[in-house]
Structure formats: C-alpha cells, structure tokens
C-alpha atoms as a PDB file:
ATOM      1  CA  UNK A   1     -21.876 -11.536  69.981  1.00  0.00           C
ATOM      2  CA  UNK A   2     -23.095  -7.959  69.445  1.00  0.00           C
ATOM      3  CA  UNK A   3     -20.806  -6.254  66.932  1.00  0.00           C
ATOM      4  CA  UNK A   4     -20.213  -3.077  68.937  1.00  0.00           C
ATOM      5  CA  UNK A   5     -18.891  -4.772  72.148  1.00  0.00           C
ATOM      6  CA  UNK A   6     -16.853  -7.144  69.979  1.00  0.00           C
ATOM      7  CA  UNK A   7     -15.208  -4.313  68.020  1.00  0.00           C
ATOM      8  CA  UNK A   8     -14.668  -2.342  71.205  1.00  0.00           C
ATOM      9  CA  UNK A   9     -12.864  -5.287  72.786  1.00  0.00           C
ATOM     10  CA  UNK A  10     -10.706  -5.881  69.702  1.00  0.00           C
ATOM     11  CA  UNK A  11      -9.840  -2.183  69.446  1.00  0.00           C
ATOM     12  CA  UNK A  12      -8.827  -2.127  73.124  1.00  0.00           C
ATOM     13  CA  UNK A  13      -6.535  -5.097  72.492  1.00  0.00           C
ATOM     14  CA  UNK A  14      -4.992  -3.347  69.492  1.00  0.00           C
ATOM     15  CA  UNK A  15      -6.368  -5.881  67.003  1.00  0.00           C
ATOM     16  CA  UNK A  16      -7.578  -4.758  63.593  1.00  0.00           C
ATOM     17  CA  UNK A  17     -11.135  -5.802  62.807  1.00  0.00           C
ATOM     18  CA  UNK A  18     -11.513  -7.099  59.279  1.00  0.00           C
ATOM     19  CA  UNK A  19     -14.802  -7.870  57.644  1.00  0.00           C
ATOM     20  CA  UNK A  20     -15.407 -10.485  54.949  1.00  0.00           C
ATOM     21  CA  UNK A  21     -13.872  -9.524  51.618  1.00  0.00           C
ATOM     22  CA  UNK A  22     -16.411 -11.510  49.609  1.00  0.00           C
ATOM     23  CA  UNK A  23     -20.103 -12.165  49.978  1.00  0.00           C
ATOM     24  CA  UNK A  24     -20.953 -15.856  49.929  1.00  0.00           C
ATOM     25  CA  UNK A  25     -23.656 -16.990  47.486  1.00  0.00           C
ATOM     26  CA  UNK A  26     -27.147 -16.656  48.982  1.00  0.00           C
ATOM     27  CA  UNK A  27     -25.720 -15.135  52.180  1.00  0.00           C
ATOM     28  CA  UNK A  28     -27.854 -12.611  54.044  1.00  0.00           C
ATOM     29  CA  UNK A  29     -26.884  -8.939  53.835  1.00  0.00           C
ATOM     30  CA  UNK A  30     -24.919  -7.524  56.747  1.00  0.00           C
ATOM     31  CA  UNK A  31     -27.076  -4.992  58.557  1.00  0.00           C
ATOM     32  CA  UNK A  32     -23.995  -3.679  60.330  1.00  0.00           C
ATOM     33  CA  UNK A  33     -22.126  -2.905  57.105  1.00  0.00           C
ATOM     34  CA  UNK A  34     -25.285  -1.436  55.578  1.00  0.00           C
ATOM     35  CA  UNK A  35     -25.617   1.032  58.460  1.00  0.00           C
ATOM     36  CA  UNK A  36     -25.944   4.489  56.855  1.00  0.00           C
ATOM     37  CA  UNK A  37     -23.885   6.028  59.669  1.00  0.00           C
ATOM     38  CA  UNK A  38     -20.822   4.110  58.467  1.00  0.00           C
ATOM     39  CA  UNK A  39     -21.111   5.434  54.942  1.00  0.00           C
ATOM     40  CA  UNK A  40     -21.812   8.979  56.151  1.00  0.00           C
ATOM     41  CA  UNK A  41     -18.820   8.976  58.472  1.00  0.00           C
ATOM     42  CA  UNK A  42     -16.647   7.574  55.688  1.00  0.00           C
ATOM     43  CA  UNK A  43     -17.581  10.522  53.456  1.00  0.00           C
ATOM     44  CA  UNK A  44     -17.018  13.025  56.266  1.00  0.00           C
ATOM     45  CA  UNK A  45     -13.521  11.723  56.941  1.00  0.00           C
ATOM     46  CA  UNK A  46     -12.513  11.480  53.283  1.00  0.00           C
ATOM     47  CA  UNK A  47     -10.445  14.683  53.249  1.00  0.00           C
ATOM     48  CA  UNK A  48      -9.179  14.327  56.783  1.00  0.00           C
ATOM     49  CA  UNK A  49      -7.428  11.000  56.331  1.00  0.00           C
ATOM     50  CA  UNK A  50      -5.056  10.259  53.466  1.00  0.00           C
ATOM     51  CA  UNK A  51      -4.870   6.540  54.133  1.00  0.00           C
ATOM     52  CA  UNK A  52      -6.429   3.872  51.963  1.00  0.00           C
ATOM     53  CA  UNK A  53     -10.189   3.508  52.684  1.00  0.00           C
ATOM     54  CA  UNK A  54      -9.495   0.079  54.149  1.00  0.00           C
ATOM     55  CA  UNK A  55      -7.428   1.640  56.942  1.00  0.00           C
ATOM     56  CA  UNK A  56      -9.298   4.880  57.761  1.00  0.00           C
ATOM     57  CA  UNK A  57     -10.623   5.163  61.332  1.00  0.00           C
ATOM     58  CA  UNK A  58     -14.409   5.591  61.309  1.00  0.00           C
ATOM     59  CA  UNK A  59     -16.336   6.981  64.245  1.00  0.00           C
ATOM     60  CA  UNK A  60     -19.389   4.810  64.853  1.00  0.00           C
ATOM     61  CA  UNK A  61     -22.232   5.952  67.096  1.00  0.00           C
ATOM     62  CA  UNK A  62     -24.427   3.083  68.135  1.00  0.00           C
ATOM     63  CA  UNK A  63     -25.981   2.026  71.434  1.00  0.00           C
ATOM     64  CA  UNK A  64     -24.412   5.062  73.165  1.00  0.00           C
ATOM     65  CA  UNK A  65     -20.894   3.802  72.406  1.00  0.00           C
ATOM     66  CA  UNK A  66     -18.202   5.730  70.553  1.00  0.00           C
ATOM     67  CA  UNK A  67     -15.420   3.610  69.097  1.00  0.00           C
ATOM     68  CA  UNK A  68     -12.925   3.883  66.273  1.00  0.00           C
ATOM     69  CA  UNK A  69     -12.422   0.400  64.825  1.00  0.00           C
ATOM     70  CA  UNK A  70     -10.328  -0.089  61.721  1.00  0.00           C
ATOM     71  CA  UNK A  71     -12.696  -1.726  59.264  1.00  0.00           C
ATOM     72  CA  UNK A  72     -12.800  -2.297  55.551  1.00  0.00           C
ATOM     73  CA  UNK A  73     -15.787  -1.145  53.496  1.00  0.00           C
ATOM     74  CA  UNK A  74     -15.664  -2.456  49.967  1.00  0.00           C
ATOM     75  CA  UNK A  75     -18.816  -1.642  47.950  1.00  0.00           C
ATOM     76  CA  UNK A  76     -19.844  -4.230  45.366  1.00  0.00           C
ATOM     77  CA  UNK A  77     -17.375  -6.724  46.862  1.00  0.00           C
ATOM     78  CA  UNK A  78     -14.341  -5.047  45.253  1.00  0.00           C
ATOM     79  CA  UNK A  79     -11.007  -6.222  46.639  1.00  0.00           C
ATOM     80  CA  UNK A  80      -9.068  -3.544  48.493  1.00  0.00           C
ATOM     81  CA  UNK A  81      -5.491  -2.820  47.495  1.00  0.00           C
ATOM     82  CA  UNK A  82      -4.387  -3.412  51.078  1.00  0.00           C
ATOM     83  CA  UNK A  83      -4.283  -7.159  51.652  1.00  0.00           C
ATOM     84  CA  UNK A  84      -3.069  -8.876  54.772  1.00  0.00           C
ATOM     85  CA  UNK A  85      -0.730 -11.819  54.185  1.00  0.00           C
ATOM     86  CA  UNK A  86      -2.966 -14.367  55.893  1.00  0.00           C
ATOM     87  CA  UNK A  87      -5.809 -13.534  53.485  1.00  0.00           C
ATOM     88  CA  UNK A  88      -3.939 -14.720  50.386  1.00  0.00           C
ATOM     89  CA  UNK A  89      -4.972 -18.336  50.825  1.00  0.00           C
ATOM     90  CA  UNK A  90      -8.601 -17.306  51.296  1.00  0.00           C
ATOM     91  CA  UNK A  91      -8.512 -15.256  48.087  1.00  0.00           C
ATOM     92  CA  UNK A  92      -7.039 -18.178  46.187  1.00  0.00           C
ATOM     93  CA  UNK A  93      -9.782 -20.398  47.564  1.00  0.00           C
ATOM     94  CA  UNK A  94     -12.460 -17.943  46.388  1.00  0.00           C
ATOM     95  CA  UNK A  95     -10.928 -17.716  42.925  1.00  0.00           C
ATOM     96  CA  UNK A  96     -11.206 -21.491  42.508  1.00  0.00           C
ATOM     97  CA  UNK A  97     -14.376 -22.078  44.499  1.00  0.00           C
ATOM     98  CA  UNK A  98     -16.510 -22.360  41.359  1.00  0.00           C
ATOM     99  CA  UNK A  99     -14.340 -25.119  39.866  1.00  0.00           C
ATOM    100  CA  UNK A 100     -15.662 -28.513  40.975  1.00  0.00           C
ATOM    101  CA  UNK A 101     -13.035 -31.277  41.066  1.00  0.00           C
ATOM    102  CA  UNK A 102     -13.803 -34.958  41.474  1.00  0.00           C
ATOM    103  CA  UNK A 103     -11.339 -37.781  42.008  1.00  0.00           C
ATOM    104  CA  UNK A 104     -10.651 -40.934  44.000  1.00  0.00           C
ATOM    105  CA  UNK A 105      -7.301 -42.060  45.352  1.00  0.00           C
ATOM    106  CA  UNK A 106      -6.080 -45.301  46.861  1.00  0.00           C
ATOM    107  CA  UNK A 107      -3.304 -44.796  49.409  1.00  0.00           C
ATOM    108  CA  UNK A 108      -1.017 -47.620  50.537  1.00  0.00           C
ATOM    109  CA  UNK A 109       0.925 -46.909  53.764  1.00  0.00           C
ATOM    110  CA  UNK A 110       3.985 -48.899  54.809  1.00  0.00           C
ATOM    111  CA  UNK A 111       6.723 -48.129  57.337  1.00  0.00           C
ATOM    112  CA  UNK A 112       8.961 -46.192  54.939  1.00  0.00           C
ATOM    113  CA  UNK A 113       7.045 -45.782  51.674  1.00  0.00           C
ATOM    114  CA  UNK A 114       3.648 -44.487  50.621  1.00  0.00           C
ATOM    115  CA  UNK A 115       1.937 -45.121  47.297  1.00  0.00           C
ATOM    116  CA  UNK A 116      -0.794 -42.660  46.275  1.00  0.00           C
ATOM    117  CA  UNK A 117      -2.654 -44.063  43.281  1.00  0.00           C
ATOM    118  CA  UNK A 118      -5.132 -42.310  40.986  1.00  0.00           C
ATOM    119  CA  UNK A 119      -8.213 -44.485  40.593  1.00  0.00           C
ATOM    120  CA  UNK A 120      -9.886 -44.644  37.156  1.00  0.00           C
ATOM    121  CA  UNK A 121     -13.430 -43.386  36.704  1.00  0.00           C
ATOM    122  CA  UNK A 122     -14.583 -46.948  36.088  1.00  0.00           C
ATOM    123  CA  UNK A 123     -12.823 -50.160  37.057  1.00  0.00           C
ATOM    124  CA  UNK A 124     -12.623 -53.089  34.697  1.00  0.00           C
ATOM    125  CA  UNK A 125     -13.422 -56.531  36.065  1.00  0.00           C
ATOM    126  CA  UNK A 126     -10.848 -57.481  38.700  1.00  0.00           C
ATOM    127  CA  UNK A 127      -8.803 -54.315  38.152  1.00  0.00           C
ATOM    128  CA  UNK A 128      -9.134 -53.028  41.712  1.00  0.00           C
ATOM    129  CA  UNK A 129      -7.961 -56.319  43.192  1.00  0.00           C
ATOM    130  CA  UNK A 130      -5.006 -56.522  40.780  1.00  0.00           C
ATOM    131  CA  UNK A 131      -4.041 -52.914  41.579  1.00  0.00           C
ATOM    132  CA  UNK A 132      -3.834 -53.754  45.291  1.00  0.00           C
ATOM    133  CA  UNK A 133      -1.644 -56.791  44.536  1.00  0.00           C
ATOM    134  CA  UNK A 134       0.595 -54.674  42.325  1.00  0.00           C
ATOM    135  CA  UNK A 135       0.956 -52.091  45.109  1.00  0.00           C
ATOM    136  CA  UNK A 136       1.926 -54.889  47.502  1.00  0.00           C
ATOM    137  CA  UNK A 137       4.610 -56.103  45.056  1.00  0.00           C
ATOM    138  CA  UNK A 138       5.998 -52.571  44.714  1.00  0.00           C
ATOM    139  CA  UNK A 139       6.275 -52.183  48.493  1.00  0.00           C
ATOM    140  CA  UNK A 140       7.928 -55.609  48.801  1.00  0.00           C
ATOM    141  CA  UNK A 141      10.455 -54.415  46.197  1.00  0.00           C
ATOM    142  CA  UNK A 142      11.433 -51.743  48.737  1.00  0.00           C
ATOM    143  CA  UNK A 143      11.610 -54.276  51.569  1.00  0.00           C
ATOM    144  CA  UNK A 144       8.279 -53.384  53.161  1.00  0.00           C
ATOM    145  CA  UNK A 145       6.652 -56.452  54.717  1.00  0.00           C
ATOM    146  CA  UNK A 146       3.202 -55.036  55.424  1.00  0.00           C
ATOM    147  CA  UNK A 147       1.004 -52.093  54.515  1.00  0.00           C
ATOM    148  CA  UNK A 148      -2.376 -50.528  55.165  1.00  0.00           C
ATOM    149  CA  UNK A 149      -4.738 -49.367  52.456  1.00  0.00           C
ATOM    150  CA  UNK A 150      -7.096 -46.382  52.588  1.00  0.00           C
ATOM    151  CA  UNK A 151      -9.276 -44.608  50.042  1.00  0.00           C
ATOM    152  CA  UNK A 152      -9.904 -40.892  49.516  1.00  0.00           C
ATOM    153  CA  UNK A 153     -12.948 -39.613  47.633  1.00  0.00           C
ATOM    154  CA  UNK A 154     -13.461 -35.966  46.687  1.00  0.00           C
ATOM    155  CA  UNK A 155     -15.744 -34.190  47.250  1.00  0.00           C
ATOM    156  CA  UNK A 156     -16.346 -35.699  50.672  1.00  0.00           C
ATOM    157  CA  UNK A 157     -20.082 -35.016  50.413  1.00  0.00           C
ATOM    158  CA  UNK A 158     -21.970 -34.574  47.170  1.00  0.00           C
ATOM    159  CA  UNK A 159     -24.648 -32.138  48.306  1.00  0.00           C
ATOM    160  CA  UNK A 160     -24.792 -28.665  46.668  1.00  0.00           C
ATOM    161  CA  UNK A 161     -23.436 -26.864  49.749  1.00  0.00           C
ATOM    162  CA  UNK A 162     -20.326 -29.030  50.213  1.00  0.00           C
ATOM    163  CA  UNK A 163     -16.815 -27.803  49.409  1.00  0.00           C
ATOM    164  CA  UNK A 164     -15.587 -29.066  46.034  1.00  0.00           C
ATOM    165  CA  UNK A 165     -12.737 -26.753  44.971  1.00  0.00           C
ATOM    166  CA  UNK A 166      -9.163 -27.793  44.146  1.00  0.00           C
ATOM    167  CA  UNK A 167      -7.471 -25.810  46.934  1.00  0.00           C
ATOM    168  CA  UNK A 168      -9.564 -27.484  49.633  1.00  0.00           C
ATOM    169  CA  UNK A 169      -9.016 -30.858  47.959  1.00  0.00           C
ATOM    170  CA  UNK A 170      -5.236 -30.507  48.182  1.00  0.00           C
ATOM    171  CA  UNK A 171      -5.393 -29.465  51.827  1.00  0.00           C
ATOM    172  CA  UNK A 172      -7.617 -32.428  52.655  1.00  0.00           C
ATOM    173  CA  UNK A 173      -5.483 -35.014  50.825  1.00  0.00           C
ATOM    174  CA  UNK A 174      -2.230 -33.769  52.350  1.00  0.00           C
ATOM    175  CA  UNK A 175      -3.744 -33.698  55.840  1.00  0.00           C
ATOM    176  CA  UNK A 176      -5.094 -37.219  55.369  1.00  0.00           C
ATOM    177  CA  UNK A 177      -1.667 -38.533  54.308  1.00  0.00           C
ATOM    178  CA  UNK A 178       0.084 -36.695  57.144  1.00  0.00           C
ATOM    179  CA  UNK A 179      -2.312 -38.157  59.714  1.00  0.00           C
ATOM    180  CA  UNK A 180      -1.812 -41.745  58.509  1.00  0.00           C
ATOM    181  CA  UNK A 181       1.910 -41.632  57.677  1.00  0.00           C
ATOM    182  CA  UNK A 182       4.550 -43.242  59.874  1.00  0.00           C
ATOM    183  CA  UNK A 183       7.373 -41.193  61.361  1.00  0.00           C
ATOM    184  CA  UNK A 184      10.082 -42.831  59.222  1.00  0.00           C
ATOM    185  CA  UNK A 185       8.630 -42.220  55.751  1.00  0.00           C
ATOM    186  CA  UNK A 186      11.382 -41.901  53.123  1.00  0.00           C
ATOM    187  CA  UNK A 187       9.459 -41.534  49.880  1.00  0.00           C
ATOM    188  CA  UNK A 188       5.968 -41.052  48.486  1.00  0.00           C
ATOM    189  CA  UNK A 189       5.258 -42.472  45.024  1.00  0.00           C
ATOM    190  CA  UNK A 190       2.544 -40.488  43.250  1.00  0.00           C
ATOM    191  CA  UNK A 191       0.884 -42.710  40.666  1.00  0.00           C
ATOM    192  CA  UNK A 192      -1.139 -40.847  38.056  1.00  0.00           C
ATOM    193  CA  UNK A 193      -2.065 -37.197  37.469  1.00  0.00           C
ATOM    194  CA  UNK A 194      -4.713 -36.895  40.185  1.00  0.00           C
ATOM    195  CA  UNK A 195      -2.334 -38.264  42.813  1.00  0.00           C
ATOM    196  CA  UNK A 196       0.433 -35.873  41.734  1.00  0.00           C
ATOM    197  CA  UNK A 197      -1.826 -32.821  41.511  1.00  0.00           C
ATOM    198  CA  UNK A 198      -4.060 -33.150  44.558  1.00  0.00           C
ATOM    199  CA  UNK A 199      -1.419 -34.290  47.028  1.00  0.00           C
ATOM    200  CA  UNK A 200       1.623 -32.139  46.235  1.00  0.00           C
ATOM    201  CA  UNK A 201       0.468 -30.006  43.276  1.00  0.00           C
ATOM    202  CA  UNK A 202       2.782 -31.707  40.739  1.00  0.00           C
ATOM    203  CA  UNK A 203       0.250 -31.880  37.925  1.00  0.00           C
ATOM    204  CA  UNK A 204       2.773 -30.923  35.216  1.00  0.00           C
ATOM    205  CA  UNK A 205       5.421 -33.430  36.321  1.00  0.00           C
ATOM    206  CA  UNK A 206       6.066 -36.376  34.033  1.00  0.00           C
ATOM    207  CA  UNK A 207       6.517 -40.008  35.133  1.00  0.00           C
ATOM    208  CA  UNK A 208      10.032 -40.490  36.452  1.00  0.00           C
ATOM    209  CA  UNK A 209      10.469 -36.946  37.753  1.00  0.00           C
ATOM    210  CA  UNK A 210      11.385 -36.660  41.415  1.00  0.00           C
ATOM    211  CA  UNK A 211      11.345 -33.740  43.810  1.00  0.00           C
ATOM    212  CA  UNK A 212      11.394 -32.938  47.505  1.00  0.00           C
ATOM    213  CA  UNK A 213       8.204 -32.286  49.460  1.00  0.00           C
ATOM    214  CA  UNK A 214       7.137 -32.200  53.061  1.00  0.00           C
ATOM    215  CA  UNK A 215       4.210 -33.202  55.233  1.00  0.00           C
ATOM    216  CA  UNK A 216       5.294 -30.723  57.910  1.00  0.00           C
ATOM    217  CA  UNK A 217       7.965 -28.099  58.448  1.00  0.00           C
ATOM    218  CA  UNK A 218      10.435 -30.532  60.021  1.00  0.00           C
ATOM    219  CA  UNK A 219      10.243 -33.540  57.723  1.00  0.00           C
ATOM    220  CA  UNK A 220      11.289 -33.494  54.052  1.00  0.00           C
ATOM    221  CA  UNK A 221      10.327 -36.449  51.891  1.00  0.00           C
ATOM    222  CA  UNK A 222      11.341 -37.526  48.417  1.00  0.00           C
ATOM    223  CA  UNK A 223       8.491 -37.517  45.896  1.00  0.00           C
ATOM    224  CA  UNK A 224       8.432 -39.636  42.756  1.00  0.00           C
ATOM    225  CA  UNK A 225       5.804 -39.114  40.058  1.00  0.00           C
ATOM    226  CA  UNK A 226       4.967 -42.281  38.146  1.00  0.00           C
ATOM    227  CA  UNK A 227       2.267 -44.012  36.124  1.00  0.00           C
ATOM    228  CA  UNK A 228      -0.978 -45.038  37.805  1.00  0.00           C
ATOM    229  CA  UNK A 229      -1.398 -48.678  38.749  1.00  0.00           C
ATOM    230  CA  UNK A 230      -4.286 -49.072  36.283  1.00  0.00           C
ATOM    231  CA  UNK A 231      -1.955 -47.891  33.498  1.00  0.00           C
ATOM    232  CA  UNK A 232       0.597 -50.512  34.513  1.00  0.00           C
ATOM    233  CA  UNK A 233      -2.034 -53.238  34.247  1.00  0.00           C
ATOM    234  CA  UNK A 234      -2.812 -52.229  30.655  1.00  0.00           C
ATOM    235  CA  UNK A 235       0.704 -51.576  29.336  1.00  0.00           C
ATOM    236  CA  UNK A 236       3.820 -53.701  29.734  1.00  0.00           C
ATOM    237  CA  UNK A 237       5.969 -50.820  28.452  1.00  0.00           C
ATOM    238  CA  UNK A 238       4.683 -48.497  31.170  1.00  0.00           C
ATOM    239  CA  UNK A 239       5.288 -51.215  33.736  1.00  0.00           C
ATOM    240  CA  UNK A 240       8.928 -51.523  32.629  1.00  0.00           C
ATOM    241  CA  UNK A 241       9.379 -47.742  32.807  1.00  0.00           C
ATOM    242  CA  UNK A 242       7.751 -47.684  36.244  1.00  0.00           C
ATOM    243  CA  UNK A 243      10.286 -50.134  37.667  1.00  0.00           C
ATOM    244  CA  UNK A 244      13.179 -48.255  36.055  1.00  0.00           C
ATOM    245  CA  UNK A 245      11.978 -45.085  37.768  1.00  0.00           C
ATOM    246  CA  UNK A 246      11.811 -46.872  41.132  1.00  0.00           C
ATOM    247  CA  UNK A 247      15.274 -48.494  41.082  1.00  0.00           C
ATOM    248  CA  UNK A 248      17.203 -45.283  41.995  1.00  0.00           C
ATOM    249  CA  UNK A 249      15.134 -45.019  45.194  1.00  0.00           C
ATOM    250  CA  UNK A 250      16.894 -48.112  46.557  1.00  0.00           C
ATOM    251  CA  UNK A 251      20.191 -46.222  46.805  1.00  0.00           C
ATOM    252  CA  UNK A 252      18.677 -43.333  48.813  1.00  0.00           C
END
C-alpha cells in the first residue's frame, strides 16, 4: 500500500504510525524515511514542539496530500527513549538475534504428565530406544497407561535466513507443547538443561527444583526440573535421585 494513504487512514483512526526501530541485515533502504522533506520539516519544528523527537507531529507534503502522522525518525538506528510496551519483546529478540542456539528435544505426552527430554548431541548405540523405554516407565510410575512421542529440532530450518535465536526458540517450544498437551495436564518434567531453558526458561534450576508455570493464562502447571534421560542411563546415582525427586508428585 502507498505510504501516504496508509498513514492518512491511520491518522484518521487515531492510531500512531510507528516505523521499524532497527534495520534488518541486507534490507533495502526506506525511500520514505530518506525523504529530505521529512528531515527538513523535523528541523523546522524543532523549536516549536518540546516533545521527544519520536512524538513530534511532522507536516509531510507528498502527492498533494497534507497529513500530520506521528512517526519516529531515529538516525543511525538509535533507539528512542520513548518505547511502547508491545515493542519490548521485539527489542529483546533483536538483542539476541545474533546468538544461534541449537538443540533437540524429545517430548512424551500422556493424559496428565509431560516429559520434555534434552537429547544429547550424539546418541550411543541403542541409547535412543532405551530413553523411550525409560520415559514409558516413568509415566507408568504416575499411572499413565499410554503416551505419544514427538521430537523438536531447533533451528527448524538450517538455511542462513532462518530464525535461530533463543527467544524465538522458547516461543516455538512452548507453543508446540501447548498445542499437543491434553486439557488435564498436572505436571511437566523437564529433563536436562535444554529442556528446562527452552521450554520455561529455567536454565539455572537444579535437578529436583520445582516451580509453577503455565501454558496459557488460565491453566497453571507444576514444573519439575530433573536429569536428562541419557544421564540416567549412564549413572545409577542420578537415576536414584531422579526417582526421589518424582515421588512427591504422587501426593499432588
């Protein structure tokens, strides 16, 4: 849509028009924001308006239209002091967009319990099959007769343009779990650091620590951080601790 009719419509509706706060890598320059008339009008109004530059009305003459949209001009991609609340998540995403995270999770869904397991970088012979059997035994311990297994790989696509940051990863994992979860879920067991971090951002929690999380605003779920299933297969001590951490869940 042509920018002038779009801004005119938004201004008529009383909606502030915000432009991108950051320039994406390799993105084309905005001819609209580079319009000399914008910069000239900004300088002309500098003494007239005492508001922050991000909120000053700017008269734009283009295509025989005169409008006064509220726009933000931020040379050299500097962040304005005035920040709308719904932009905070976007800023956080930009801050972490250069950090590439890679992980794989196995998720086991039953009627009342979910196990999210951090998969090792490389499986030993038979380890994946034994991990699935161990997950089945854990769910039987909680009285679950059946379960479904699904895998999550991040990044979803491995081409250079795909999203790979941690913030997007957490949103994707949580949405995936929410979509697959049953309505009566009581507890989610997060096995390993990747499972704890990229599902409910509990990276610093130690095995045995529990907390309350939610998949949506109306449904709180108990979260238990524990050892990964591959760790249990390699250490009998960790396996004993794992079961001790799980026993209190039976009384909930």
